[in-house]
Structure formats: structure tokens, C-alpha cells
Amino acid sequence: MNNTKDTGWYYNNINSRSPSWSGVEFLYNFLTTNKGIGPFGKEVNIEEAEIGDISQINFDGKVFGHSQIIVDKLGNNFSDILIATHTYDSLNRALSTYQNVQKIRFIHIEGVRIW
């Protein structure tokens, strides 16, 4: 666990968690800049995204507002990427089923540091 208050990676309970557990931009920033304990990754294109990676959706053209975990990848089209998410309790939902999407980005999880 990385207990740094605003930029760490921890979840003790609903009232004691880092912003990266619930904020889309905080998660992106944590994963793509983390040099310490916890998971780390980099932004990739759709062809490089893999099962276990994160997709994030921008609905308004300004801010990314929703994160999903890729649970299956059948090809390199949005309809080929299946995700799991808690907002509407979805499992194996095609990424293409979201409406009003302005942008989608992918974060490839490269590893995790436990020291």
C-alpha cells in the first residue's frame, strides 16, 4: 500500500481510501506516474490494450469521467473490447455500447511494486 494522502494507492474502507480508487483522473495520474509502491502503467492505443487493462471514457470532450476494466478482447474495434464496471453492474459489456462518447483512452498495466 502507498498511504500518501492525495496521490497514493490505498483502500481501507469507503471512508479511508485514496482518490485514485474513485476518481478517474486521479487513477490515470497515479497509474501513469507511479514510481513507488502499487500498480503502474502507461497510456496505449487500442491495439496495445490487453485483458486486465483500464479503459476510460470522456463524455463531454473535456474530462474523462468513467473507468472500466477490460475483461476480454476479441479484436481491435470498440465492439471487440468487453469490460466490467460497477456503475450499472456490467460484465462482458461491449465498450461500443456506451453513448455520447467523445474520447476513449487505454491504460496498460505494466506491473506492480510491492516494496
N, C-alpha and C. Protein backbone atom coordinates (compact mmCIF):
# COMPACT_ATOMS: atom_id res chain seq x y z
N MET A 1 0.83 -1.18 0.00
CA MET A 1 0.00 0.00 0.00
C MET A 1 0.88 1.25 0.00
N ASN A 2 0.38 2.27 -0.65
CA ASN A 2 1.04 3.57 -0.68
C ASN A 2 0.08 4.54 0.00
N ASN A 3 0.36 4.90 1.24
CA ASN A 3 -0.58 5.68 2.05
C ASN A 3 -0.48 7.20 1.86
N THR A 4 0.19 7.65 0.81
CA THR A 4 0.25 9.08 0.55
C THR A 4 -1.17 9.60 0.34
N LYS A 5 -1.57 10.59 1.14
CA LYS A 5 -2.98 11.00 1.21
C LYS A 5 -3.64 11.29 -0.14
N ASP A 6 -3.10 12.18 -0.95
CA ASP A 6 -3.79 12.58 -2.18
C ASP A 6 -3.31 11.84 -3.42
N THR A 7 -2.12 11.27 -3.38
CA THR A 7 -1.57 10.67 -4.59
C THR A 7 -1.22 9.20 -4.43
N GLY A 8 -1.63 8.58 -3.34
CA GLY A 8 -1.27 7.20 -3.07
C GLY A 8 -2.22 6.17 -3.63
N TRP A 9 -2.06 4.94 -3.13
CA TRP A 9 -2.87 3.81 -3.57
C TRP A 9 -3.21 2.99 -2.34
N TYR A 10 -4.38 3.26 -1.75
CA TYR A 10 -4.81 2.51 -0.58
C TYR A 10 -6.32 2.49 -0.49
N TYR A 11 -6.84 1.44 0.09
CA TYR A 11 -8.28 1.32 0.33
C TYR A 11 -8.44 0.56 1.63
N ASN A 12 -8.75 1.29 2.69
CA ASN A 12 -9.01 0.66 3.97
C ASN A 12 -10.50 0.39 4.15
N ASN A 13 -11.31 1.37 3.75
CA ASN A 13 -12.77 1.24 3.74
C ASN A 13 -13.32 2.40 2.92
N ILE A 14 -14.62 2.49 2.79
CA ILE A 14 -15.25 3.52 1.95
C ILE A 14 -14.87 4.93 2.37
N ASN A 15 -14.57 5.12 3.66
CA ASN A 15 -14.23 6.44 4.17
C ASN A 15 -12.73 6.68 4.28
N SER A 16 -11.95 5.67 3.99
CA SER A 16 -10.50 5.79 4.08
C SER A 16 -9.87 5.14 2.85
N ARG A 17 -9.81 5.93 1.77
CA ARG A 17 -9.28 5.44 0.50
C ARG A 17 -8.63 6.59 -0.23
N SER A 18 -7.69 6.26 -1.08
CA SER A 18 -7.04 7.31 -1.87
C SER A 18 -7.97 7.75 -3.00
N PRO A 19 -7.81 8.98 -3.49
CA PRO A 19 -8.65 9.45 -4.60
C PRO A 19 -8.54 8.58 -5.84
N SER A 20 -7.41 7.87 -6.00
CA SER A 20 -7.23 7.03 -7.18
C SER A 20 -8.20 5.85 -7.21
N TRP A 21 -8.86 5.54 -6.10
CA TRP A 21 -9.85 4.47 -6.07
C TRP A 21 -11.21 4.90 -6.61
N SER A 22 -11.48 6.21 -6.64
CA SER A 22 -12.80 6.64 -7.08
C SER A 22 -12.78 7.76 -8.10
N GLY A 23 -11.65 8.40 -8.31
CA GLY A 23 -11.57 9.50 -9.27
C GLY A 23 -10.86 9.07 -10.55
N VAL A 24 -11.51 9.27 -11.68
CA VAL A 24 -10.97 8.82 -12.97
C VAL A 24 -9.62 9.47 -13.25
N GLU A 25 -9.54 10.78 -13.14
CA GLU A 25 -8.27 11.47 -13.42
C GLU A 25 -7.21 11.10 -12.39
N PHE A 26 -7.61 10.94 -11.11
CA PHE A 26 -6.66 10.52 -10.08
C PHE A 26 -6.09 9.13 -10.40
N LEU A 27 -6.94 8.22 -10.87
CA LEU A 27 -6.48 6.88 -11.23
C LEU A 27 -5.48 6.96 -12.39
N TYR A 28 -5.84 7.72 -13.42
CA TYR A 28 -4.95 7.88 -14.57
C TYR A 28 -3.60 8.44 -14.13
N ASN A 29 -3.64 9.52 -13.36
CA ASN A 29 -2.39 10.16 -12.91
C ASN A 29 -1.56 9.22 -12.05
N PHE A 30 -2.23 8.49 -11.15
CA PHE A 30 -1.48 7.57 -10.30
C PHE A 30 -0.80 6.49 -11.14
N LEU A 31 -1.57 5.82 -11.99
CA LEU A 31 -1.02 4.70 -12.75
C LEU A 31 0.09 5.13 -13.71
N THR A 32 -0.06 6.28 -14.34
CA THR A 32 0.92 6.68 -15.36
C THR A 32 2.13 7.41 -14.81
N THR A 33 2.11 7.76 -13.52
CA THR A 33 3.28 8.45 -12.94
C THR A 33 3.87 7.72 -11.73
N ASN A 34 3.23 6.65 -11.28
CA ASN A 34 3.67 5.98 -10.06
C ASN A 34 5.09 5.41 -10.20
N LYS A 35 5.95 5.82 -9.31
CA LYS A 35 7.32 5.29 -9.23
C LYS A 35 7.53 4.53 -7.93
N GLY A 36 6.48 4.45 -7.10
CA GLY A 36 6.58 3.80 -5.80
C GLY A 36 5.77 2.53 -5.73
N ILE A 37 5.31 2.22 -4.54
CA ILE A 37 4.54 1.00 -4.29
C ILE A 37 3.19 1.07 -5.01
N GLY A 38 2.77 -0.08 -5.51
CA GLY A 38 1.48 -0.18 -6.17
C GLY A 38 1.59 -0.42 -7.65
N PRO A 39 0.45 -0.48 -8.33
CA PRO A 39 0.45 -0.73 -9.77
C PRO A 39 0.96 0.48 -10.54
N PHE A 40 1.47 0.22 -11.75
CA PHE A 40 1.91 1.30 -12.63
C PHE A 40 1.64 0.89 -14.07
N GLY A 41 1.46 1.88 -14.92
CA GLY A 41 1.16 1.60 -16.32
C GLY A 41 1.43 2.78 -17.21
N LYS A 42 0.98 2.66 -18.44
CA LYS A 42 1.16 3.74 -19.41
C LYS A 42 -0.03 3.77 -20.36
N GLU A 43 -0.29 4.93 -20.91
CA GLU A 43 -1.37 5.07 -21.89
C GLU A 43 -0.94 4.40 -23.19
N VAL A 44 -1.84 3.62 -23.77
CA VAL A 44 -1.55 2.90 -25.02
C VAL A 44 -2.72 3.08 -25.98
N ASN A 45 -2.52 2.66 -27.23
CA ASN A 45 -3.62 2.71 -28.19
C ASN A 45 -4.43 1.42 -28.09
N ILE A 46 -5.52 1.35 -28.80
CA ILE A 46 -6.44 0.22 -28.70
C ILE A 46 -5.76 -1.10 -29.06
N GLU A 47 -4.83 -1.07 -30.00
CA GLU A 47 -4.15 -2.30 -30.42
C GLU A 47 -3.28 -2.88 -29.31
N GLU A 48 -2.76 -2.03 -28.44
CA GLU A 48 -1.88 -2.47 -27.36
C GLU A 48 -2.61 -2.82 -26.07
N ALA A 49 -3.88 -2.45 -25.97
CA ALA A 49 -4.66 -2.73 -24.77
C ALA A 49 -4.86 -4.23 -24.62
N GLU A 50 -4.83 -4.71 -23.37
CA GLU A 50 -4.95 -6.14 -23.09
C GLU A 50 -5.97 -6.39 -21.98
N ILE A 51 -6.33 -7.64 -21.82
CA ILE A 51 -7.20 -8.05 -20.72
C ILE A 51 -6.53 -7.64 -19.41
N GLY A 52 -7.30 -7.03 -18.51
CA GLY A 52 -6.77 -6.54 -17.23
C GLY A 52 -6.40 -5.08 -17.25
N ASP A 53 -6.34 -4.49 -18.44
CA ASP A 53 -6.04 -3.06 -18.55
C ASP A 53 -7.29 -2.24 -18.26
N ILE A 54 -7.12 -0.93 -18.24
CA ILE A 54 -8.20 0.01 -17.92
C ILE A 54 -8.56 0.80 -19.18
N SER A 55 -9.86 0.97 -19.41
CA SER A 55 -10.31 1.93 -20.43
C SER A 55 -11.01 3.05 -19.69
N GLN A 56 -10.88 4.26 -20.22
CA GLN A 56 -11.52 5.43 -19.62
C GLN A 56 -12.25 6.20 -20.70
N ILE A 57 -13.46 6.66 -20.37
CA ILE A 57 -14.32 7.32 -21.34
C ILE A 57 -14.50 8.79 -20.99
N ASN A 58 -14.48 9.62 -22.02
CA ASN A 58 -14.75 11.04 -21.93
C ASN A 58 -16.08 11.28 -22.63
N PHE A 59 -17.07 11.80 -21.91
CA PHE A 59 -18.40 12.03 -22.47
C PHE A 59 -18.63 13.48 -22.90
N ASP A 60 -17.86 14.41 -22.36
CA ASP A 60 -18.15 15.82 -22.62
C ASP A 60 -17.08 16.54 -23.45
N GLY A 61 -16.05 15.83 -23.88
CA GLY A 61 -14.98 16.44 -24.66
C GLY A 61 -13.95 17.18 -23.82
N LYS A 62 -14.13 17.17 -22.48
CA LYS A 62 -13.23 17.90 -21.60
C LYS A 62 -12.54 16.99 -20.59
N VAL A 63 -13.33 16.20 -19.86
CA VAL A 63 -12.80 15.42 -18.75
C VAL A 63 -13.19 13.95 -18.91
N PHE A 64 -12.27 13.06 -18.64
CA PHE A 64 -12.60 11.63 -18.62
C PHE A 64 -13.39 11.36 -17.35
N GLY A 65 -14.53 10.67 -17.49
CA GLY A 65 -15.44 10.54 -16.37
C GLY A 65 -15.82 9.14 -15.96
N HIS A 66 -15.25 8.11 -16.62
CA HIS A 66 -15.65 6.75 -16.26
C HIS A 66 -14.52 5.79 -16.60
N SER A 67 -14.24 4.87 -15.68
CA SER A 67 -13.20 3.84 -15.86
C SER A 67 -13.83 2.46 -15.90
N GLN A 68 -13.28 1.59 -16.71
CA GLN A 68 -13.73 0.21 -16.82
C GLN A 68 -12.49 -0.70 -16.90
N ILE A 69 -12.66 -1.96 -16.53
CA ILE A 69 -11.60 -2.95 -16.66
C ILE A 69 -11.90 -3.82 -17.87
N ILE A 70 -10.89 -4.02 -18.71
CA ILE A 70 -11.05 -4.87 -19.88
C ILE A 70 -11.01 -6.34 -19.42
N VAL A 71 -12.09 -7.08 -19.70
CA VAL A 71 -12.16 -8.48 -19.29
C VAL A 71 -12.03 -9.44 -20.47
N ASP A 72 -12.17 -8.94 -21.68
CA ASP A 72 -11.94 -9.77 -22.87
C ASP A 72 -11.68 -8.85 -24.05
N LYS A 73 -10.89 -9.35 -24.98
CA LYS A 73 -10.57 -8.57 -26.18
C LYS A 73 -10.57 -9.52 -27.36
N LEU A 74 -11.53 -9.31 -28.25
CA LEU A 74 -11.72 -10.19 -29.39
C LEU A 74 -11.07 -9.63 -30.66
N GLY A 75 -10.73 -8.36 -30.63
CA GLY A 75 -10.13 -7.67 -31.77
C GLY A 75 -9.80 -6.25 -31.37
N ASN A 76 -9.63 -5.38 -32.36
CA ASN A 76 -9.19 -4.01 -32.09
C ASN A 76 -10.25 -2.96 -32.39
N ASN A 77 -11.52 -3.34 -32.36
CA ASN A 77 -12.61 -2.39 -32.50
C ASN A 77 -13.29 -2.24 -31.14
N PHE A 78 -13.97 -1.12 -30.93
CA PHE A 78 -14.64 -0.90 -29.65
C PHE A 78 -15.67 -1.99 -29.35
N SER A 79 -16.27 -2.55 -30.38
CA SER A 79 -17.25 -3.63 -30.17
C SER A 79 -16.56 -4.93 -29.76
N ASP A 80 -15.25 -5.03 -29.97
CA ASP A 80 -14.49 -6.23 -29.63
C ASP A 80 -13.91 -6.19 -28.22
N ILE A 81 -14.03 -5.05 -27.55
CA ILE A 81 -13.48 -4.88 -26.20
C ILE A 81 -14.63 -5.05 -25.21
N LEU A 82 -14.52 -6.05 -24.35
CA LEU A 82 -15.55 -6.30 -23.34
C LEU A 82 -15.01 -5.86 -21.99
N ILE A 83 -15.88 -5.20 -21.24
CA ILE A 83 -15.45 -4.58 -19.98
C ILE A 83 -16.32 -5.02 -18.82
N ALA A 84 -15.80 -4.76 -17.63
CA ALA A 84 -16.57 -4.89 -16.40
C ALA A 84 -16.55 -3.53 -15.72
N THR A 85 -17.67 -3.16 -15.15
CA THR A 85 -17.78 -1.89 -14.46
C THR A 85 -18.87 -1.98 -13.40
N HIS A 86 -18.79 -1.13 -12.40
CA HIS A 86 -19.75 -1.20 -11.31
C HIS A 86 -20.91 -0.23 -11.46
N THR A 87 -20.78 0.80 -12.27
CA THR A 87 -21.81 1.83 -12.32
C THR A 87 -23.19 1.24 -12.62
N TYR A 88 -23.27 0.41 -13.63
CA TYR A 88 -24.51 -0.29 -13.93
C TYR A 88 -24.29 -1.80 -13.83
N ASP A 89 -23.36 -2.20 -12.97
CA ASP A 89 -23.02 -3.60 -12.75
C ASP A 89 -22.97 -4.38 -14.05
N SER A 90 -21.99 -4.06 -14.86
CA SER A 90 -21.84 -4.69 -16.16
C SER A 90 -20.66 -5.66 -16.16
N LEU A 91 -20.85 -6.80 -16.82
CA LEU A 91 -19.80 -7.76 -17.05
C LEU A 91 -19.90 -8.23 -18.49
N ASN A 92 -18.78 -8.22 -19.19
CA ASN A 92 -18.73 -8.59 -20.61
C ASN A 92 -19.57 -7.63 -21.47
N ARG A 93 -19.60 -6.38 -21.08
CA ARG A 93 -20.30 -5.35 -21.86
C ARG A 93 -19.35 -4.82 -22.92
N ALA A 94 -19.83 -4.72 -24.15
CA ALA A 94 -19.01 -4.17 -25.23
C ALA A 94 -18.79 -2.68 -25.00
N LEU A 95 -17.57 -2.26 -25.17
CA LEU A 95 -17.23 -0.84 -24.99
C LEU A 95 -18.04 0.03 -25.95
N SER A 96 -18.40 -0.51 -27.09
CA SER A 96 -19.15 0.24 -28.10
C SER A 96 -20.58 0.56 -27.68
N THR A 97 -21.08 -0.03 -26.59
CA THR A 97 -22.47 0.22 -26.19
C THR A 97 -22.66 1.54 -25.45
N TYR A 98 -21.56 2.19 -25.08
CA TYR A 98 -21.69 3.50 -24.43
C TYR A 98 -22.07 4.54 -25.47
N GLN A 99 -22.94 5.45 -25.08
CA GLN A 99 -23.39 6.51 -25.99
C GLN A 99 -22.78 7.84 -25.60
N ASN A 100 -22.75 8.76 -26.55
CA ASN A 100 -22.24 10.12 -26.35
C ASN A 100 -20.76 10.13 -25.96
N VAL A 101 -19.99 9.16 -26.45
CA VAL A 101 -18.56 9.08 -26.15
C VAL A 101 -17.81 10.05 -27.05
N GLN A 102 -16.99 10.90 -26.43
CA GLN A 102 -16.15 11.83 -27.18
C GLN A 102 -14.75 11.26 -27.42
N LYS A 103 -14.20 10.59 -26.39
CA LYS A 103 -12.86 10.01 -26.47
C LYS A 103 -12.82 8.77 -25.57
N ILE A 104 -11.92 7.86 -25.93
CA ILE A 104 -11.62 6.71 -25.07
C ILE A 104 -10.11 6.58 -25.02
N ARG A 105 -9.58 6.34 -23.81
CA ARG A 105 -8.15 6.08 -23.68
C ARG A 105 -7.97 4.77 -22.94
N PHE A 106 -6.80 4.19 -23.12
CA PHE A 106 -6.49 2.90 -22.52
C PHE A 106 -5.21 3.02 -21.70
N ILE A 107 -5.21 2.37 -20.53
CA ILE A 107 -4.03 2.35 -19.66
C ILE A 107 -3.61 0.89 -19.53
N HIS A 108 -2.42 0.59 -20.04
CA HIS A 108 -1.87 -0.77 -19.93
C HIS A 108 -1.16 -0.89 -18.58
N ILE A 109 -1.56 -1.86 -17.80
CA ILE A 109 -0.93 -2.11 -16.51
C ILE A 109 0.37 -2.88 -16.77
N GLU A 110 1.49 -2.24 -16.50
CA GLU A 110 2.80 -2.84 -16.76
C GLU A 110 3.28 -3.73 -15.63
N GLY A 111 2.82 -3.46 -14.41
CA GLY A 111 3.26 -4.26 -13.27
C GLY A 111 2.82 -3.65 -11.96
N VAL A 112 3.39 -4.18 -10.89
CA VAL A 112 3.10 -3.67 -9.54
C VAL A 112 4.38 -3.78 -8.72
N ARG A 113 4.61 -2.76 -7.91
CA ARG A 113 5.76 -2.78 -6.99
C ARG A 113 5.22 -3.06 -5.60
N ILE A 114 5.83 -4.00 -4.91
CA ILE A 114 5.36 -4.36 -3.57
C ILE A 114 6.34 -3.93 -2.48
N TRP A 115 7.41 -3.26 -2.84
CA TRP A 115 8.39 -2.78 -1.85
C TRP A 115 8.31 -1.30 -1.67
